[in-house]
């Protein structure tokens, strides 16, 4: 299986998850290309991959700005190329997991849902089957926001994603890839 592991991170939380995904995909014997999005101008052809993991931190209920820009540019590119079709028919063996890391200070997971849904729309329009939406808790790292890691709706989230969170991600990767290759 040819896997794209696409992510944006500004604090390192999402990178922890992305690198865990990369390690498990390789451990399972699949080819993986890990791409850290730093701007919306990355040249990547997602249609060359049969499985995509795509993730971002959550910033104001949306993915990071570079990820938003990239997804908008890719949607426009594929639309102009005729790859976005009416009713978005499914592409055989084209699957995606969309995930985020989030702190959820005010409304918990509800702050993260729009970010995952936004990213998922590109793949849904292209006919990928969204086989998972993952929400991984991550601490607030900037010094000015550190108190949010203990005062928010999710309680004390300092140090997250932690070893247990990453183990859960690893098990999900194993399960999803097994289900999609059988």
C-alpha atoms as a PDB file:
ATOM      1  CA  UNK A   1       0.000   0.000   0.000  1.00  0.00           C
ATOM      2  CA  UNK A   2       1.245   3.476  -0.878  1.00  0.00           C
ATOM      3  CA  UNK A   3       0.544   5.836   2.045  1.00  0.00           C
ATOM      4  CA  UNK A   4       0.696   9.629   2.278  1.00  0.00           C
ATOM      5  CA  UNK A   5       1.144  11.003   5.788  1.00  0.00           C
ATOM      6  CA  UNK A   6       0.363  14.729   5.502  1.00  0.00           C
ATOM      7  CA  UNK A   7       0.392  17.018   8.530  1.00  0.00           C
ATOM      8  CA  UNK A   8       0.717  20.561   9.844  1.00  0.00           C
ATOM      9  CA  UNK A   9       2.044  21.386  13.288  1.00  0.00           C
ATOM     10  CA  UNK A  10       2.984  24.607  15.018  1.00  0.00           C
ATOM     11  CA  UNK A  11       3.682  23.262  18.521  1.00  0.00           C
ATOM     12  CA  UNK A  12       4.867  19.714  17.834  1.00  0.00           C
ATOM     13  CA  UNK A  13       1.738  17.955  19.117  1.00  0.00           C
ATOM     14  CA  UNK A  14       0.534  16.895  15.669  1.00  0.00           C
ATOM     15  CA  UNK A  15       4.068  15.976  14.653  1.00  0.00           C
ATOM     16  CA  UNK A  16       4.204  13.432  17.493  1.00  0.00           C
ATOM     17  CA  UNK A  17       1.092  11.786  16.069  1.00  0.00           C
ATOM     18  CA  UNK A  18       2.327  11.970  12.464  1.00  0.00           C
ATOM     19  CA  UNK A  19       5.662  10.374  13.339  1.00  0.00           C
ATOM     20  CA  UNK A  20       3.886   7.619  15.261  1.00  0.00           C
ATOM     21  CA  UNK A  21       1.727   6.976  12.190  1.00  0.00           C
ATOM     22  CA  UNK A  22       4.840   6.893   9.987  1.00  0.00           C
ATOM     23  CA  UNK A  23       6.596   4.394  12.257  1.00  0.00           C
ATOM     24  CA  UNK A  24       3.638   2.017  12.421  1.00  0.00           C
ATOM     25  CA  UNK A  25       2.962   2.178   8.669  1.00  0.00           C
ATOM     26  CA  UNK A  26       6.615   1.270   8.009  1.00  0.00           C
ATOM     27  CA  UNK A  27       6.540  -1.428  10.688  1.00  0.00           C
ATOM     28  CA  UNK A  28       3.614  -2.991   8.826  1.00  0.00           C
ATOM     29  CA  UNK A  29       5.652  -3.060   5.612  1.00  0.00           C
ATOM     30  CA  UNK A  30       3.906  -0.309   3.684  1.00  0.00           C
ATOM     31  CA  UNK A  31       5.508   2.536   1.759  1.00  0.00           C
ATOM     32  CA  UNK A  32       4.908   5.921   3.420  1.00  0.00           C
ATOM     33  CA  UNK A  33       5.719   9.470   2.369  1.00  0.00           C
ATOM     34  CA  UNK A  34       5.534  11.861   5.317  1.00  0.00           C
ATOM     35  CA  UNK A  35       5.046  15.504   4.354  1.00  0.00           C
ATOM     36  CA  UNK A  36       5.097  18.345   6.868  1.00  0.00           C
ATOM     37  CA  UNK A  37       2.991  21.179   5.472  1.00  0.00           C
ATOM     38  CA  UNK A  38       4.708  24.523   5.969  1.00  0.00           C
ATOM     39  CA  UNK A  39       2.808  26.499   3.354  1.00  0.00           C
ATOM     40  CA  UNK A  40      -0.086  26.057   0.978  1.00  0.00           C
ATOM     41  CA  UNK A  41       2.354  25.727  -1.921  1.00  0.00           C
ATOM     42  CA  UNK A  42       3.465  22.144  -1.343  1.00  0.00           C
ATOM     43  CA  UNK A  43       3.514  20.102  -4.542  1.00  0.00           C
ATOM     44  CA  UNK A  44       1.823  16.828  -3.658  1.00  0.00           C
ATOM     45  CA  UNK A  45      -0.467  14.685  -5.790  1.00  0.00           C
ATOM     46  CA  UNK A  46      -2.696  12.951  -3.283  1.00  0.00           C
ATOM     47  CA  UNK A  47      -4.326  10.907  -6.047  1.00  0.00           C
ATOM     48  CA  UNK A  48      -1.084   8.909  -6.341  1.00  0.00           C
ATOM     49  CA  UNK A  49      -1.719   7.398  -2.911  1.00  0.00           C
ATOM     50  CA  UNK A  50      -4.238   4.733  -1.999  1.00  0.00           C
ATOM     51  CA  UNK A  51      -4.243   5.697   1.665  1.00  0.00           C
ATOM     52  CA  UNK A  52      -3.852   9.135   3.247  1.00  0.00           C
ATOM     53  CA  UNK A  53      -3.427  10.171   6.852  1.00  0.00           C
ATOM     54  CA  UNK A  54      -3.983  13.926   7.160  1.00  0.00           C
ATOM     55  CA  UNK A  55      -3.797  15.910  10.380  1.00  0.00           C
ATOM     56  CA  UNK A  56      -3.419  19.337  11.912  1.00  0.00           C
ATOM     57  CA  UNK A  57      -3.617  21.130  15.188  1.00  0.00           C
ATOM     58  CA  UNK A  58      -6.782  23.127  15.776  1.00  0.00           C
ATOM     59  CA  UNK A  59      -6.612  26.919  15.653  1.00  0.00           C
ATOM     60  CA  UNK A  60      -9.878  28.793  16.119  1.00  0.00           C
ATOM     61  CA  UNK A  61     -11.892  25.650  15.297  1.00  0.00           C
ATOM     62  CA  UNK A  62     -10.042  25.094  11.989  1.00  0.00           C
ATOM     63  CA  UNK A  63      -6.828  23.466  10.811  1.00  0.00           C
ATOM     64  CA  UNK A  64      -3.679  25.568  10.635  1.00  0.00           C
ATOM     65  CA  UNK A  65      -3.611  28.251   7.944  1.00  0.00           C
ATOM     66  CA  UNK A  66      -1.064  26.411   5.739  1.00  0.00           C
ATOM     67  CA  UNK A  67      -3.301  23.318   5.766  1.00  0.00           C
ATOM     68  CA  UNK A  68      -6.377  25.391   4.889  1.00  0.00           C
ATOM     69  CA  UNK A  69      -4.502  27.008   1.987  1.00  0.00           C
ATOM     70  CA  UNK A  70      -3.205  23.658   0.748  1.00  0.00           C
ATOM     71  CA  UNK A  71      -6.617  22.003   0.843  1.00  0.00           C
ATOM     72  CA  UNK A  72      -8.232  24.906  -1.000  1.00  0.00           C
ATOM     73  CA  UNK A  73      -5.531  24.896  -3.691  1.00  0.00           C
ATOM     74  CA  UNK A  74      -5.745  21.131  -4.128  1.00  0.00           C
ATOM     75  CA  UNK A  75      -9.528  21.214  -4.390  1.00  0.00           C
ATOM     76  CA  UNK A  76      -9.285  23.919  -7.061  1.00  0.00           C
ATOM     77  CA  UNK A  77      -6.536  22.023  -8.922  1.00  0.00           C
ATOM     78  CA  UNK A  78      -8.448  18.737  -8.953  1.00  0.00           C
ATOM     79  CA  UNK A  79     -11.712  20.469  -9.821  1.00  0.00           C
ATOM     80  CA  UNK A  80     -10.081  22.155 -12.827  1.00  0.00           C
ATOM     81  CA  UNK A  81      -8.564  18.799 -13.858  1.00  0.00           C
ATOM     82  CA  UNK A  82     -12.000  17.168 -13.829  1.00  0.00           C
ATOM     83  CA  UNK A  83     -11.237  14.915 -10.859  1.00  0.00           C
ATOM     84  CA  UNK A  84     -14.101  16.305  -8.754  1.00  0.00           C
ATOM     85  CA  UNK A  85     -17.243  14.747 -10.181  1.00  0.00           C
ATOM     86  CA  UNK A  86     -20.952  15.292  -9.465  1.00  0.00           C
ATOM     87  CA  UNK A  87     -22.092  13.117  -6.533  1.00  0.00           C
ATOM     88  CA  UNK A  88     -18.415  12.428  -5.680  1.00  0.00           C
ATOM     89  CA  UNK A  89     -18.328   8.740  -6.697  1.00  0.00           C
ATOM     90  CA  UNK A  90     -16.036   6.621  -4.542  1.00  0.00           C
ATOM     91  CA  UNK A  91     -12.586   5.715  -5.840  1.00  0.00           C
ATOM     92  CA  UNK A  92     -11.863   2.032  -5.272  1.00  0.00           C
ATOM     93  CA  UNK A  93      -9.129   1.451  -2.684  1.00  0.00           C
ATOM     94  CA  UNK A  94      -8.801   5.168  -1.871  1.00  0.00           C
ATOM     95  CA  UNK A  95      -9.074   5.710   1.875  1.00  0.00           C
ATOM     96  CA  UNK A  96      -8.265   8.511   4.299  1.00  0.00           C
ATOM     97  CA  UNK A  97      -8.022   9.069   8.034  1.00  0.00           C
ATOM     98  CA  UNK A  98      -8.461  12.698   9.056  1.00  0.00           C
ATOM     99  CA  UNK A  99      -7.246  13.680  12.512  1.00  0.00           C
ATOM    100  CA  UNK A 100      -6.381  16.620  14.700  1.00  0.00           C
ATOM    101  CA  UNK A 101      -4.690  17.468  17.948  1.00  0.00           C
ATOM    102  CA  UNK A 102      -6.629  19.869  20.122  1.00  0.00           C
ATOM    103  CA  UNK A 103      -6.804  21.412  23.578  1.00  0.00           C
ATOM    104  CA  UNK A 104     -10.535  22.066  23.701  1.00  0.00           C
ATOM    105  CA  UNK A 105     -10.318  24.690  26.437  1.00  0.00           C
ATOM    106  CA  UNK A 106     -13.804  26.109  26.031  1.00  0.00           C
ATOM    107  CA  UNK A 107     -16.105  23.482  24.512  1.00  0.00           C
ATOM    108  CA  UNK A 108     -13.947  20.367  24.420  1.00  0.00           C
ATOM    109  CA  UNK A 109     -14.042  18.184  21.342  1.00  0.00           C
ATOM    110  CA  UNK A 110     -16.682  20.437  19.755  1.00  0.00           C
ATOM    111  CA  UNK A 111     -13.900  22.931  19.034  1.00  0.00           C
ATOM    112  CA  UNK A 112     -12.035  20.285  17.038  1.00  0.00           C
ATOM    113  CA  UNK A 113     -14.825  18.782  14.944  1.00  0.00           C
ATOM    114  CA  UNK A 114     -14.946  21.639  12.366  1.00  0.00           C
ATOM    115  CA  UNK A 115     -11.192  21.281  11.678  1.00  0.00           C
ATOM    116  CA  UNK A 116     -11.494  17.588  10.881  1.00  0.00           C
ATOM    117  CA  UNK A 117     -14.634  18.108   8.807  1.00  0.00           C
ATOM    118  CA  UNK A 118     -12.928  20.900   6.827  1.00  0.00           C
ATOM    119  CA  UNK A 119      -9.932  18.734   5.922  1.00  0.00           C
ATOM    120  CA  UNK A 120     -12.126  15.749   5.139  1.00  0.00           C
ATOM    121  CA  UNK A 121     -14.082  17.616   2.492  1.00  0.00           C
ATOM    122  CA  UNK A 122     -11.212  17.591  -0.019  1.00  0.00           C
ATOM    123  CA  UNK A 123     -10.965  13.806   0.144  1.00  0.00           C
ATOM    124  CA  UNK A 124     -14.725  13.277   0.170  1.00  0.00           C
ATOM    125  CA  UNK A 125     -15.044  15.446  -2.956  1.00  0.00           C
ATOM    126  CA  UNK A 126     -12.348  13.328  -4.623  1.00  0.00           C
ATOM    127  CA  UNK A 127     -14.137  10.078  -3.795  1.00  0.00           C
ATOM    128  CA  UNK A 128     -11.913   8.859  -0.984  1.00  0.00           C
ATOM    129  CA  UNK A 129     -13.659   6.890   1.735  1.00  0.00           C
ATOM    130  CA  UNK A 130     -13.143   8.564   5.104  1.00  0.00           C
ATOM    131  CA  UNK A 131     -12.420   5.511   7.255  1.00  0.00           C
ATOM    132  CA  UNK A 132     -11.606   7.428  10.420  1.00  0.00           C
ATOM    133  CA  UNK A 133     -11.822  10.785  12.144  1.00  0.00           C
ATOM    134  CA  UNK A 134      -9.479  10.939  15.116  1.00  0.00           C
ATOM    135  CA  UNK A 135      -9.341  13.579  17.833  1.00  0.00           C
ATOM    136  CA  UNK A 136      -6.121  13.484  19.874  1.00  0.00           C
ATOM    137  CA  UNK A 137      -5.814  15.679  22.953  1.00  0.00           C
ATOM    138  CA  UNK A 138      -2.766  17.950  22.965  1.00  0.00           C
ATOM    139  CA  UNK A 139      -1.494  20.396  25.539  1.00  0.00           C
ATOM    140  CA  UNK A 140      -1.189  24.127  24.964  1.00  0.00           C
ATOM    141  CA  UNK A 141       2.531  24.763  24.507  1.00  0.00           C
ATOM    142  CA  UNK A 142       2.965  28.518  24.010  1.00  0.00           C
ATOM    143  CA  UNK A 143       3.855  30.065  27.358  1.00  0.00           C
ATOM    144  CA  UNK A 144       1.011  32.576  27.198  1.00  0.00           C
ATOM    145  CA  UNK A 145      -1.517  29.718  26.823  1.00  0.00           C
ATOM    146  CA  UNK A 146      -0.020  27.183  29.240  1.00  0.00           C
ATOM    147  CA  UNK A 147      -2.692  27.775  31.894  1.00  0.00           C
ATOM    148  CA  UNK A 148      -5.282  26.556  29.375  1.00  0.00           C
ATOM    149  CA  UNK A 149      -3.794  23.080  29.765  1.00  0.00           C
ATOM    150  CA  UNK A 150      -5.153  22.933  33.325  1.00  0.00           C
ATOM    151  CA  UNK A 151      -8.139  25.286  33.334  1.00  0.00           C
ATOM    152  CA  UNK A 152     -10.083  24.026  30.334  1.00  0.00           C
ATOM    153  CA  UNK A 153     -13.018  21.729  29.835  1.00  0.00           C
ATOM    154  CA  UNK A 154     -10.768  18.673  29.408  1.00  0.00           C
ATOM    155  CA  UNK A 155      -9.059  19.122  32.775  1.00  0.00           C
ATOM    156  CA  UNK A 156      -5.307  18.665  33.132  1.00  0.00           C
ATOM    157  CA  UNK A 157      -3.943  17.897  29.675  1.00  0.00           C
ATOM    158  CA  UNK A 158      -0.313  18.786  30.336  1.00  0.00           C
ATOM    159  CA  UNK A 159       2.125  16.528  28.511  1.00  0.00           C
ATOM    160  CA  UNK A 160      -0.380  15.297  25.955  1.00  0.00           C
ATOM    161  CA  UNK A 161      -0.302  13.668  23.558  1.00  0.00           C
ATOM    162  CA  UNK A 162       1.492  11.301  25.902  1.00  0.00           C
ATOM    163  CA  UNK A 163       2.690   7.705  25.634  1.00  0.00           C
ATOM    164  CA  UNK A 164      -0.812   6.328  26.155  1.00  0.00           C
ATOM    165  CA  UNK A 165      -2.281   8.634  23.493  1.00  0.00           C
ATOM    166  CA  UNK A 166       0.400   7.586  21.011  1.00  0.00           C
ATOM    167  CA  UNK A 167      -0.121   3.908  21.817  1.00  0.00           C
ATOM    168  CA  UNK A 168      -3.815   4.381  21.038  1.00  0.00           C
ATOM    169  CA  UNK A 169      -2.888   6.021  17.722  1.00  0.00           C
ATOM    170  CA  UNK A 170      -0.575   3.093  16.918  1.00  0.00           C
ATOM    171  CA  UNK A 171      -3.330   0.561  17.565  1.00  0.00           C
ATOM    172  CA  UNK A 172      -5.785   2.528  15.438  1.00  0.00           C
ATOM    173  CA  UNK A 173      -3.293   2.663  12.558  1.00  0.00           C
ATOM    174  CA  UNK A 174      -2.790  -1.106  12.774  1.00  0.00           C
ATOM    175  CA  UNK A 175      -6.516  -1.763  12.858  1.00  0.00           C
ATOM    176  CA  UNK A 176      -7.421   0.600  10.025  1.00  0.00           C
ATOM    177  CA  UNK A 177      -4.674  -0.616   7.702  1.00  0.00           C
ATOM    178  CA  UNK A 178      -5.541  -4.236   8.416  1.00  0.00           C
ATOM    179  CA  UNK A 179      -9.209  -3.569   7.665  1.00  0.00           C
ATOM    180  CA  UNK A 180      -8.354  -1.756   4.426  1.00  0.00           C
ATOM    181  CA  UNK A 181      -6.002  -4.451   3.103  1.00  0.00           C
ATOM    182  CA  UNK A 182      -8.130  -7.536   3.745  1.00  0.00           C
END
